[in-house]
Amino acid sequence: DATPVVQRLTRLVVEDGKMPFRLYYNGDMIDDTHRYVVDARVILDGAV
């Protein structure tokens, strides 16, 4: 069903156009045979 494994919301704090991040996940949920991707969005007042 292509549902997300994990999702993180964090306050956007940008310095020189960049912001470091760390995304935590449950290692037991990772299938060695599957393909995983990560994407990012910046949301303001419910809109991307």
All heavy atoms as atom14 arrays in JSON, in Angstrom:
{
  "sequence": "DATPVVQRLTRLVVEDGKMPFRLYYNGDMIDDTHRYVVDARVILDGAV",
  "atom14_mask": [
    [1, 1, 1, 1, 1, 1, 1, 1, 0, 0, 0, 0, 0, 0],
    [1, 1, 1, 1, 1, 0, 0, 0, 0, 0, 0, 0, 0, 0],
    [1, 1, 1, 1, 1, 1, 1, 0, 0, 0, 0, 0, 0, 0],
    [1, 1, 1, 1, 1, 1, 1, 0, 0, 0, 0, 0, 0, 0],
    [1, 1, 1, 1, 1, 1, 1, 0, 0, 0, 0, 0, 0, 0],
    [1, 1, 1, 1, 1, 1, 1, 0, 0, 0, 0, 0, 0, 0],
    [1, 1, 1, 1, 1, 1, 1, 1, 1, 0, 0, 0, 0, 0],
    [1, 1, 1, 1, 1, 1, 1, 1, 1, 1, 1, 0, 0, 0],
    [1, 1, 1, 1, 1, 1, 1, 1, 0, 0, 0, 0, 0, 0],
    [1, 1, 1, 1, 1, 1, 1, 0, 0, 0, 0, 0, 0, 0],
    [1, 1, 1, 1, 1, 1, 1, 1, 1, 1, 1, 0, 0, 0],
    [1, 1, 1, 1, 1, 1, 1, 1, 0, 0, 0, 0, 0, 0],
    [1, 1, 1, 1, 1, 1, 1, 0, 0, 0, 0, 0, 0, 0],
    [1, 1, 1, 1, 1, 1, 1, 0, 0, 0, 0, 0, 0, 0],
    [1, 1, 1, 1, 1, 1, 1, 1, 1, 0, 0, 0, 0, 0],
    [1, 1, 1, 1, 1, 1, 1, 1, 0, 0, 0, 0, 0, 0],
    [1, 1, 1, 1, 0, 0, 0, 0, 0, 0, 0, 0, 0, 0],
    [1, 1, 1, 1, 1, 1, 1, 1, 1, 0, 0, 0, 0, 0],
    [1, 1, 1, 1, 1, 1, 1, 1, 0, 0, 0, 0, 0, 0],
    [1, 1, 1, 1, 1, 1, 1, 0, 0, 0, 0, 0, 0, 0],
    [1, 1, 1, 1, 1, 1, 1, 1, 1, 1, 1, 0, 0, 0],
    [1, 1, 1, 1, 1, 1, 1, 1, 1, 1, 1, 0, 0, 0],
    [1, 1, 1, 1, 1, 1, 1, 1, 0, 0, 0, 0, 0, 0],
    [1, 1, 1, 1, 1, 1, 1, 1, 1, 1, 1, 1, 0, 0],
    [1, 1, 1, 1, 1, 1, 1, 1, 1, 1, 1, 1, 0, 0],
    [1, 1, 1, 1, 1, 1, 1, 1, 0, 0, 0, 0, 0, 0],
    [1, 1, 1, 1, 0, 0, 0, 0, 0, 0, 0, 0, 0, 0],
    [1, 1, 1, 1, 1, 1, 1, 1, 0, 0, 0, 0, 0, 0],
    [1, 1, 1, 1, 1, 1, 1, 1, 0, 0, 0, 0, 0, 0],
    [1, 1, 1, 1, 1, 1, 1, 1, 0, 0, 0, 0, 0, 0],
    [1, 1, 1, 1, 1, 1, 1, 1, 0, 0, 0, 0, 0, 0],
    [1, 1, 1, 1, 1, 1, 1, 1, 0, 0, 0, 0, 0, 0],
    [1, 1, 1, 1, 1, 1, 1, 0, 0, 0, 0, 0, 0, 0],
    [1, 1, 1, 1, 1, 1, 1, 1, 1, 1, 0, 0, 0, 0],
    [1, 1, 1, 1, 1, 1, 1, 1, 1, 1, 1, 0, 0, 0],
    [1, 1, 1, 1, 1, 1, 1, 1, 1, 1, 1, 1, 0, 0],
    [1, 1, 1, 1, 1, 1, 1, 0, 0, 0, 0, 0, 0, 0],
    [1, 1, 1, 1, 1, 1, 1, 0, 0, 0, 0, 0, 0, 0],
    [1, 1, 1, 1, 1, 1, 1, 1, 0, 0, 0, 0, 0, 0],
    [1, 1, 1, 1, 1, 0, 0, 0, 0, 0, 0, 0, 0, 0],
    [1, 1, 1, 1, 1, 1, 1, 1, 1, 1, 1, 0, 0, 0],
    [1, 1, 1, 1, 1, 1, 1, 0, 0, 0, 0, 0, 0, 0],
    [1, 1, 1, 1, 1, 1, 1, 1, 0, 0, 0, 0, 0, 0],
    [1, 1, 1, 1, 1, 1, 1, 1, 0, 0, 0, 0, 0, 0],
    [1, 1, 1, 1, 1, 1, 1, 1, 0, 0, 0, 0, 0, 0],
    [1, 1, 1, 1, 0, 0, 0, 0, 0, 0, 0, 0, 0, 0],
    [1, 1, 1, 1, 1, 0, 0, 0, 0, 0, 0, 0, 0, 0],
    [1, 1, 1, 1, 1, 1, 1, 0, 0, 0, 0, 0, 0, 0]
  ],
  "atom14_positions": [
    [[0.81, -1.21, 0.0], [0.0, 0.0, 0.0], [0.84, 1.26, 0.0], [0.29, 2.37, 0.05], [-0.95, 0.02, 1.2], [-0.21, -0.1, 2.52], [1.03, -0.21, 2.49], [-0.87, -0.08, 3.57], [0.0, 0.0, 0.0], [0.0, 0.0, 0.0], [0.0, 0.0, 0.0], [0.0, 0.0, 0.0], [0.0, 0.0, 0.0], [0.0, 0.0, 0.0]],
    [[2.17, 1.13, -0.04], [3.08, 2.27, -0.16], [2.92, 3.29, 0.96], [3.23, 4.46, 0.79], [2.88, 2.96, -1.51], [0.0, 0.0, 0.0], [0.0, 0.0, 0.0], [0.0, 0.0, 0.0], [0.0, 0.0, 0.0], [0.0, 0.0, 0.0], [0.0, 0.0, 0.0], [0.0, 0.0, 0.0], [0.0, 0.0, 0.0], [0.0, 0.0, 0.0]],
    [[2.45, 2.89, 2.12], [2.32, 3.83, 3.23], [3.68, 4.14, 3.81], [4.61, 3.33, 3.74], [1.41, 3.26, 4.34], [1.88, 1.96, 4.7], [-0.02, 3.16, 3.87], [0.0, 0.0, 0.0], [0.0, 0.0, 0.0], [0.0, 0.0, 0.0], [0.0, 0.0, 0.0], [0.0, 0.0, 0.0], [0.0, 0.0, 0.0], [0.0, 0.0, 0.0]],
    [[3.84, 5.32, 4.42], [5.15, 5.69, 4.98], [5.57, 4.77, 6.12], [4.73, 4.28, 6.89], [4.91, 7.11, 5.48], [3.73, 7.62, 4.73], [2.87, 6.42, 4.5], [0.0, 0.0, 0.0], [0.0, 0.0, 0.0], [0.0, 0.0, 0.0], [0.0, 0.0, 0.0], [0.0, 0.0, 0.0], [0.0, 0.0, 0.0], [0.0, 0.0, 0.0]],
    [[6.86, 4.54, 6.22], [7.41, 3.8, 7.36], [7.43, 4.7, 8.58], [6.95, 4.33, 9.66], [8.82, 3.28, 7.04], [9.42, 2.55, 8.24], [8.8, 2.38, 5.83], [0.0, 0.0, 0.0], [0.0, 0.0, 0.0], [0.0, 0.0, 0.0], [0.0, 0.0, 0.0], [0.0, 0.0, 0.0], [0.0, 0.0, 0.0], [0.0, 0.0, 0.0]],
    [[7.98, 5.89, 8.43], [7.99, 6.88, 9.49], [7.87, 8.27, 8.87], [8.18, 8.46, 7.68], [9.27, 6.83, 10.36], [9.34, 5.57, 11.17], [10.52, 6.98, 9.51], [0.0, 0.0, 0.0], [0.0, 0.0, 0.0], [0.0, 0.0, 0.0], [0.0, 0.0, 0.0], [0.0, 0.0, 0.0], [0.0, 0.0, 0.0], [0.0, 0.0, 0.0]],
    [[7.45, 9.21, 9.67], [7.37, 10.59, 9.23], [7.73, 11.48, 10.41], [7.31, 11.23, 11.54], [5.97, 10.94, 8.72], [5.87, 12.32, 8.08], [4.48, 12.56, 7.49], [3.55, 12.83, 8.22], [4.35, 12.44, 6.18], [0.0, 0.0, 0.0], [0.0, 0.0, 0.0], [0.0, 0.0, 0.0], [0.0, 0.0, 0.0], [0.0, 0.0, 0.0]],
    [[8.51, 12.52, 10.14], [8.93, 13.42, 11.19], [8.56, 14.85, 10.85], [8.77, 15.33, 9.74], [10.43, 13.33, 11.43], [10.89, 14.31, 12.5], [12.31, 14.13, 12.95], [12.53, 14.9, 14.17], [13.67, 14.96, 14.83], [14.71, 14.27, 14.4], [13.79, 15.66, 15.93], [0.0, 0.0, 0.0], [0.0, 0.0, 0.0], [0.0, 0.0, 0.0]],
    [[7.98, 15.54, 11.84], [7.71, 16.96, 11.74], [8.7, 17.7, 12.64], [8.9, 17.31, 13.79], [6.29, 17.3, 12.22], [5.13, 17.07, 11.25], [4.94, 15.6, 10.96], [3.85, 17.67, 11.83], [0.0, 0.0, 0.0], [0.0, 0.0, 0.0], [0.0, 0.0, 0.0], [0.0, 0.0, 0.0], [0.0, 0.0, 0.0], [0.0, 0.0, 0.0]],
    [[9.31, 18.75, 12.12], [10.24, 19.52, 12.92], [10.21, 20.97, 12.48], [9.91, 21.27, 11.32], [11.68, 18.95, 12.8], [12.56, 19.69, 13.63], [12.18, 19.02, 11.37], [0.0, 0.0, 0.0], [0.0, 0.0, 0.0], [0.0, 0.0, 0.0], [0.0, 0.0, 0.0], [0.0, 0.0, 0.0], [0.0, 0.0, 0.0], [0.0, 0.0, 0.0]],
    [[10.48, 21.86, 13.4], [10.52, 23.29, 13.07], [11.69, 23.55, 12.13], [12.79, 23.05, 12.32], [10.67, 24.11, 14.36], [10.58, 25.62, 14.15], [10.45, 26.32, 15.49], [11.57, 26.03, 16.36], [12.67, 26.79, 16.45], [12.78, 27.86, 15.69], [13.64, 26.48, 17.28], [0.0, 0.0, 0.0], [0.0, 0.0, 0.0], [0.0, 0.0, 0.0]],
    [[11.43, 24.32, 11.09], [12.44, 24.58, 10.08], [13.36, 25.71, 10.55], [12.92, 26.85, 10.75], [11.78, 24.95, 8.75], [12.7, 25.04, 7.53], [13.3, 23.68, 7.23], [11.94, 25.57, 6.33], [0.0, 0.0, 0.0], [0.0, 0.0, 0.0], [0.0, 0.0, 0.0], [0.0, 0.0, 0.0], [0.0, 0.0, 0.0], [0.0, 0.0, 0.0]],
    [[14.62, 25.39, 10.74], [15.63, 26.38, 11.14], [16.74, 26.33, 10.11], [17.53, 25.38, 10.07], [16.18, 26.09, 12.55], [17.21, 27.15, 12.94], [15.04, 26.03, 13.58], [0.0, 0.0, 0.0], [0.0, 0.0, 0.0], [0.0, 0.0, 0.0], [0.0, 0.0, 0.0], [0.0, 0.0, 0.0], [0.0, 0.0, 0.0], [0.0, 0.0, 0.0]],
    [[16.79, 27.34, 9.25], [17.7, 27.34, 8.11], [18.88, 28.26, 8.37], [18.72, 29.38, 8.87], [16.97, 27.77, 6.83], [17.92, 27.82, 5.65], [15.81, 26.83, 6.55], [0.0, 0.0, 0.0], [0.0, 0.0, 0.0], [0.0, 0.0, 0.0], [0.0, 0.0, 0.0], [0.0, 0.0, 0.0], [0.0, 0.0, 0.0], [0.0, 0.0, 0.0]],
    [[20.07, 27.78, 8.06], [21.27, 28.6, 8.12], [22.05, 28.41, 6.83], [22.38, 27.29, 6.45], [22.13, 28.18, 9.32], [23.36, 29.06, 9.51], [24.13, 28.73, 10.78], [23.58, 28.0, 11.62], [25.27, 29.2, 10.91], [0.0, 0.0, 0.0], [0.0, 0.0, 0.0], [0.0, 0.0, 0.0], [0.0, 0.0, 0.0], [0.0, 0.0, 0.0]],
    [[22.29, 29.54, 6.13], [22.97, 29.5, 4.83], [22.25, 28.6, 3.84], [22.88, 27.88, 3.04], [24.43, 29.05, 4.99], [25.26, 30.03, 5.83], [24.96, 31.24, 5.78], [26.18, 29.58, 6.53], [0.0, 0.0, 0.0], [0.0, 0.0, 0.0], [0.0, 0.0, 0.0], [0.0, 0.0, 0.0], [0.0, 0.0, 0.0], [0.0, 0.0, 0.0]],
    [[20.92, 28.61, 3.91], [20.12, 27.85, 2.96], [20.06, 26.37, 3.23], [19.53, 25.62, 2.41], [0.0, 0.0, 0.0], [0.0, 0.0, 0.0], [0.0, 0.0, 0.0], [0.0, 0.0, 0.0], [0.0, 0.0, 0.0], [0.0, 0.0, 0.0], [0.0, 0.0, 0.0], [0.0, 0.0, 0.0], [0.0, 0.0, 0.0], [0.0, 0.0, 0.0]],
    [[20.58, 25.91, 4.39], [20.61, 24.48, 4.67], [20.11, 24.21, 6.09], [20.18, 25.07, 6.95], [22.02, 23.93, 4.52], [22.63, 24.12, 3.14], [24.07, 23.64, 3.09], [24.68, 23.89, 1.71], [26.11, 23.46, 1.67], [0.0, 0.0, 0.0], [0.0, 0.0, 0.0], [0.0, 0.0, 0.0], [0.0, 0.0, 0.0], [0.0, 0.0, 0.0]],
    [[19.61, 23.0, 6.29], [19.22, 22.56, 7.62], [19.53, 21.09, 7.77], [19.08, 20.26, 6.98], [17.73, 22.78, 7.87], [17.26, 22.23, 9.21], [15.51, 22.43, 9.51], [15.29, 21.33, 10.93], [0.0, 0.0, 0.0], [0.0, 0.0, 0.0], [0.0, 0.0, 0.0], [0.0, 0.0, 0.0], [0.0, 0.0, 0.0], [0.0, 0.0, 0.0]],
    [[20.35, 20.72, 8.77], [20.6, 19.29, 9.0], [19.37, 18.6, 9.58], [18.54, 19.24, 10.23], [21.77, 19.3, 9.99], [21.63, 20.6, 10.72], [21.07, 21.57, 9.73], [0.0, 0.0, 0.0], [0.0, 0.0, 0.0], [0.0, 0.0, 0.0], [0.0, 0.0, 0.0], [0.0, 0.0, 0.0], [0.0, 0.0, 0.0], [0.0, 0.0, 0.0]],
    [[19.25, 17.3, 9.35], [18.14, 16.56, 9.92], [18.6, 15.18, 10.35], [19.64, 14.66, 9.91], [16.97, 16.45, 8.93], [17.25, 15.57, 7.73], [17.15, 14.18, 7.8], [17.61, 16.13, 6.51], [17.39, 13.37, 6.71], [17.87, 15.33, 5.41], [17.77, 13.95, 5.51], [0.0, 0.0, 0.0], [0.0, 0.0, 0.0], [0.0, 0.0, 0.0]],
    [[17.81, 14.58, 11.22], [18.01, 13.18, 11.63], [16.63, 12.54, 11.7], [15.73, 13.04, 12.37], [18.71, 13.12, 12.99], [18.97, 11.68, 13.46], [19.65, 11.62, 14.81], [21.04, 12.03, 14.73], [21.55, 13.1, 15.31], [20.78, 13.89, 16.03], [22.83, 13.4, 15.2], [0.0, 0.0, 0.0], [0.0, 0.0, 0.0], [0.0, 0.0, 0.0]],
    [[16.47, 11.43, 10.98], [15.2, 10.71, 10.92], [15.4, 9.36, 11.56], [16.26, 8.58, 11.16], [14.76, 10.56, 9.46], [13.38, 9.94, 9.19], [12.29, 10.79, 9.79], [13.17, 9.78, 7.69], [0.0, 0.0, 0.0], [0.0, 0.0, 0.0], [0.0, 0.0, 0.0], [0.0, 0.0, 0.0], [0.0, 0.0, 0.0], [0.0, 0.0, 0.0]],
    [[14.62, 9.07, 12.6], [14.73, 7.81, 13.32], [13.69, 6.81, 12.8], [12.58, 7.2, 12.43], [14.49, 8.02, 14.82], [15.43, 9.01, 15.47], [15.15, 10.37, 15.48], [16.6, 8.57, 16.1], [16.01, 11.28, 16.09], [17.45, 9.47, 16.7], [17.15, 10.82, 16.7], [18.0, 11.72, 17.29], [0.0, 0.0, 0.0], [0.0, 0.0, 0.0]],
    [[14.04, 5.53, 12.82], [13.09, 4.5, 12.39], [13.32, 3.22, 13.16], [14.41, 2.99, 13.73], [13.2, 4.24, 10.88], [14.56, 3.76, 10.44], [14.87, 2.4, 10.4], [15.55, 4.66, 10.06], [16.12, 1.95, 10.01], [16.81, 4.23, 9.66], [17.09, 2.87, 9.63], [18.33, 2.43, 9.24], [0.0, 0.0, 0.0], [0.0, 0.0, 0.0]],
    [[12.3, 2.38, 13.2], [12.37, 1.07, 13.84], [13.07, 0.11, 12.89], [12.55, -0.22, 11.82], [10.95, 0.6, 14.16], [10.92, -0.77, 14.82], [11.95, -1.43, 14.97], [9.74, -1.21, 15.22], [0.0, 0.0, 0.0], [0.0, 0.0, 0.0], [0.0, 0.0, 0.0], [0.0, 0.0, 0.0], [0.0, 0.0, 0.0], [0.0, 0.0, 0.0]],
    [[14.25, -0.36, 13.29], [15.01, -1.25, 12.42], [14.29, -2.53, 12.08], [14.52, -3.13, 11.02], [0.0, 0.0, 0.0], [0.0, 0.0, 0.0], [0.0, 0.0, 0.0], [0.0, 0.0, 0.0], [0.0, 0.0, 0.0], [0.0, 0.0, 0.0], [0.0, 0.0, 0.0], [0.0, 0.0, 0.0], [0.0, 0.0, 0.0], [0.0, 0.0, 0.0]],
    [[13.38, -2.99, 12.95], [12.64, -4.22, 12.69], [11.66, -4.09, 11.53], [11.19, -5.09, 11.0], [11.87, -4.66, 13.95], [12.8, -5.04, 15.09], [13.96, -5.41, 14.81], [12.37, -4.97, 16.26], [0.0, 0.0, 0.0], [0.0, 0.0, 0.0], [0.0, 0.0, 0.0], [0.0, 0.0, 0.0], [0.0, 0.0, 0.0], [0.0, 0.0, 0.0]],
    [[11.34, -2.84, 11.15], [10.38, -2.61, 10.08], [11.03, -2.58, 8.7], [10.34, -2.46, 7.69], [9.63, -1.3, 10.32], [8.77, -1.29, 11.57], [7.96, 0.31, 11.82], [6.87, 0.37, 10.39], [0.0, 0.0, 0.0], [0.0, 0.0, 0.0], [0.0, 0.0, 0.0], [0.0, 0.0, 0.0], [0.0, 0.0, 0.0], [0.0, 0.0, 0.0]],
    [[12.35, -2.67, 8.64], [13.06, -2.58, 7.37], [13.23, -3.98, 6.77], [13.78, -4.87, 7.39], [14.43, -1.91, 7.55], [14.25, -0.51, 8.16], [15.16, -1.83, 6.22], [13.37, 0.42, 7.36], [0.0, 0.0, 0.0], [0.0, 0.0, 0.0], [0.0, 0.0, 0.0], [0.0, 0.0, 0.0], [0.0, 0.0, 0.0], [0.0, 0.0, 0.0]],
    [[12.73, -4.14, 5.56], [12.84, -5.39, 4.81], [14.04, -5.29, 3.87], [14.09, -4.39, 3.01], [11.55, -5.64, 4.02], [11.51, -7.02, 3.38], [12.57, -7.49, 2.92], [10.42, -7.61, 3.32], [0.0, 0.0, 0.0], [0.0, 0.0, 0.0], [0.0, 0.0, 0.0], [0.0, 0.0, 0.0], [0.0, 0.0, 0.0], [0.0, 0.0, 0.0]],
    [[14.99, -6.19, 4.0], [16.21, -6.13, 3.2], [15.95, -6.24, 1.7], [16.81, -5.87, 0.9], [17.19, -7.23, 3.62], [17.74, -7.01, 5.03], [17.66, -5.87, 5.52], [18.23, -7.98, 5.63], [0.0, 0.0, 0.0], [0.0, 0.0, 0.0], [0.0, 0.0, 0.0], [0.0, 0.0, 0.0], [0.0, 0.0, 0.0], [0.0, 0.0, 0.0]],
    [[14.79, -6.76, 1.32], [14.5, -6.95, -0.1], [13.73, -5.78, -0.7], [13.46, -5.79, -1.91], [13.69, -8.24, -0.31], [12.4, -8.11, 0.32], [14.42, -9.44, 0.28], [0.0, 0.0, 0.0], [0.0, 0.0, 0.0], [0.0, 0.0, 0.0], [0.0, 0.0, 0.0], [0.0, 0.0, 0.0], [0.0, 0.0, 0.0], [0.0, 0.0, 0.0]],
    [[13.35, -4.79, 0.11], [12.55, -3.68, -0.4], [13.4, -2.47, -0.73], [14.55, -2.36, -0.3], [11.48, -3.29, 0.64], [10.35, -4.26, 0.73], [9.17, -3.98, 1.39], [10.2, -5.51, 0.24], [8.37, -5.02, 1.29], [8.98, -5.97, 0.62], [0.0, 0.0, 0.0], [0.0, 0.0, 0.0], [0.0, 0.0, 0.0], [0.0, 0.0, 0.0]],
    [[12.82, -1.56, -1.46], [13.48, -0.32, -1.87], [12.87, 0.83, -1.05], [11.64, 0.97, -0.99], [13.26, -0.08, -3.37], [13.94, 1.15, -3.95], [13.51, 1.29, -5.39], [14.11, 2.46, -6.04], [15.15, 2.41, -6.85], [15.7, 1.24, -7.12], [15.63, 3.5, -7.4], [0.0, 0.0, 0.0], [0.0, 0.0, 0.0], [0.0, 0.0, 0.0]],
    [[13.72, 1.65, -0.45], [13.25, 2.74, 0.41], [13.72, 4.08, -0.13], [14.81, 4.21, -0.68], [13.77, 2.55, 1.83], [13.19, 1.33, 2.52], [13.8, 0.08, 2.38], [12.02, 1.41, 3.27], [13.26, -1.05, 2.98], [11.49, 0.28, 3.88], [12.11, -0.95, 3.71], [11.58, -2.06, 4.32], [0.0, 0.0, 0.0], [0.0, 0.0, 0.0]],
    [[12.85, 5.08, 0.04], [13.17, 6.45, -0.38], [12.77, 7.4, 0.74], [11.92, 7.09, 1.58], [12.45, 6.84, -1.68], [12.91, 5.99, -2.84], [10.93, 6.77, -1.51], [0.0, 0.0, 0.0], [0.0, 0.0, 0.0], [0.0, 0.0, 0.0], [0.0, 0.0, 0.0], [0.0, 0.0, 0.0], [0.0, 0.0, 0.0], [0.0, 0.0, 0.0]],
    [[13.4, 8.57, 0.75], [13.04, 9.61, 1.69], [12.76, 10.89, 0.9], [13.42, 11.17, -0.11], [14.16, 9.84, 2.73], [15.44, 10.34, 2.08], [13.71, 10.8, 3.83], [0.0, 0.0, 0.0], [0.0, 0.0, 0.0], [0.0, 0.0, 0.0], [0.0, 0.0, 0.0], [0.0, 0.0, 0.0], [0.0, 0.0, 0.0], [0.0, 0.0, 0.0]],
    [[11.73, 11.62, 1.3], [11.43, 12.89, 0.67], [11.15, 13.93, 1.74], [11.0, 13.61, 2.93], [10.27, 12.78, -0.32], [8.99, 12.28, 0.32], [8.6, 12.8, 1.37], [8.35, 11.35, -0.24], [0.0, 0.0, 0.0], [0.0, 0.0, 0.0], [0.0, 0.0, 0.0], [0.0, 0.0, 0.0], [0.0, 0.0, 0.0], [0.0, 0.0, 0.0]],
    [[11.09, 15.19, 1.33], [10.91, 16.29, 2.28], [9.96, 17.32, 1.69], [9.91, 17.53, 0.47], [12.25, 16.94, 2.61], [0.0, 0.0, 0.0], [0.0, 0.0, 0.0], [0.0, 0.0, 0.0], [0.0, 0.0, 0.0], [0.0, 0.0, 0.0], [0.0, 0.0, 0.0], [0.0, 0.0, 0.0], [0.0, 0.0, 0.0], [0.0, 0.0, 0.0]],
    [[9.19, 17.95, 2.59], [8.31, 19.05, 2.21], [8.38, 20.13, 3.29], [8.56, 19.82, 4.46], [6.85, 18.58, 2.07], [6.6, 17.63, 0.9], [5.13, 17.28, 0.84], [4.8, 16.48, -0.34], [4.73, 15.18, -0.37], [4.98, 14.49, 0.74], [4.42, 14.54, -1.47], [0.0, 0.0, 0.0], [0.0, 0.0, 0.0], [0.0, 0.0, 0.0]],
    [[8.22, 21.36, 2.89], [8.09, 22.47, 3.83], [6.64, 22.94, 3.76], [6.14, 23.3, 2.68], [9.04, 23.63, 3.49], [8.78, 24.82, 4.41], [10.5, 23.17, 3.62], [0.0, 0.0, 0.0], [0.0, 0.0, 0.0], [0.0, 0.0, 0.0], [0.0, 0.0, 0.0], [0.0, 0.0, 0.0], [0.0, 0.0, 0.0], [0.0, 0.0, 0.0]],
    [[5.96, 22.9, 4.9], [4.54, 23.22, 4.96], [4.33, 24.49, 5.78], [4.94, 24.68, 6.85], [3.74, 22.06, 5.57], [3.82, 20.83, 4.64], [2.29, 22.43, 5.82], [3.07, 19.63, 5.15], [0.0, 0.0, 0.0], [0.0, 0.0, 0.0], [0.0, 0.0, 0.0], [0.0, 0.0, 0.0], [0.0, 0.0, 0.0], [0.0, 0.0, 0.0]],
    [[3.47, 25.36, 5.29], [3.09, 26.58, 6.0], [1.58, 26.72, 5.89], [1.03, 26.74, 4.79], [3.78, 27.8, 5.39], [3.42, 29.16, 6.01], [3.88, 29.24, 7.47], [4.03, 30.3, 5.21], [0.0, 0.0, 0.0], [0.0, 0.0, 0.0], [0.0, 0.0, 0.0], [0.0, 0.0, 0.0], [0.0, 0.0, 0.0], [0.0, 0.0, 0.0]],
    [[0.92, 26.78, 7.05], [-0.54, 26.93, 7.1], [-1.25, 25.85, 6.28], [-2.23, 26.11, 5.57], [-0.97, 28.32, 6.61], [-0.43, 29.44, 7.49], [-0.26, 29.19, 8.7], [-0.18, 30.53, 6.97], [0.0, 0.0, 0.0], [0.0, 0.0, 0.0], [0.0, 0.0, 0.0], [0.0, 0.0, 0.0], [0.0, 0.0, 0.0], [0.0, 0.0, 0.0]],
    [[-0.73, 24.62, 6.35], [-1.38, 23.49, 5.7], [-1.09, 23.33, 4.22], [-1.55, 22.37, 3.61], [0.0, 0.0, 0.0], [0.0, 0.0, 0.0], [0.0, 0.0, 0.0], [0.0, 0.0, 0.0], [0.0, 0.0, 0.0], [0.0, 0.0, 0.0], [0.0, 0.0, 0.0], [0.0, 0.0, 0.0], [0.0, 0.0, 0.0], [0.0, 0.0, 0.0]],
    [[-0.33, 24.25, 3.63], [-0.01, 24.17, 2.21], [1.48, 23.92, 2.02], [2.31, 24.39, 2.8], [-0.42, 25.46, 1.5], [0.0, 0.0, 0.0], [0.0, 0.0, 0.0], [0.0, 0.0, 0.0], [0.0, 0.0, 0.0], [0.0, 0.0, 0.0], [0.0, 0.0, 0.0], [0.0, 0.0, 0.0], [0.0, 0.0, 0.0], [0.0, 0.0, 0.0]],
    [[1.81, 23.17, 0.96], [3.21, 22.87, 0.67], [3.87, 24.05, -0.02], [3.39, 24.52, -1.06], [3.33, 21.61, -0.21], [4.77, 21.34, -0.59], [2.74, 20.41, 0.51], [0.0, 0.0, 0.0], [0.0, 0.0, 0.0], [0.0, 0.0, 0.0], [0.0, 0.0, 0.0], [0.0, 0.0, 0.0], [0.0, 0.0, 0.0], [0.0, 0.0, 0.0]]
  ]
}
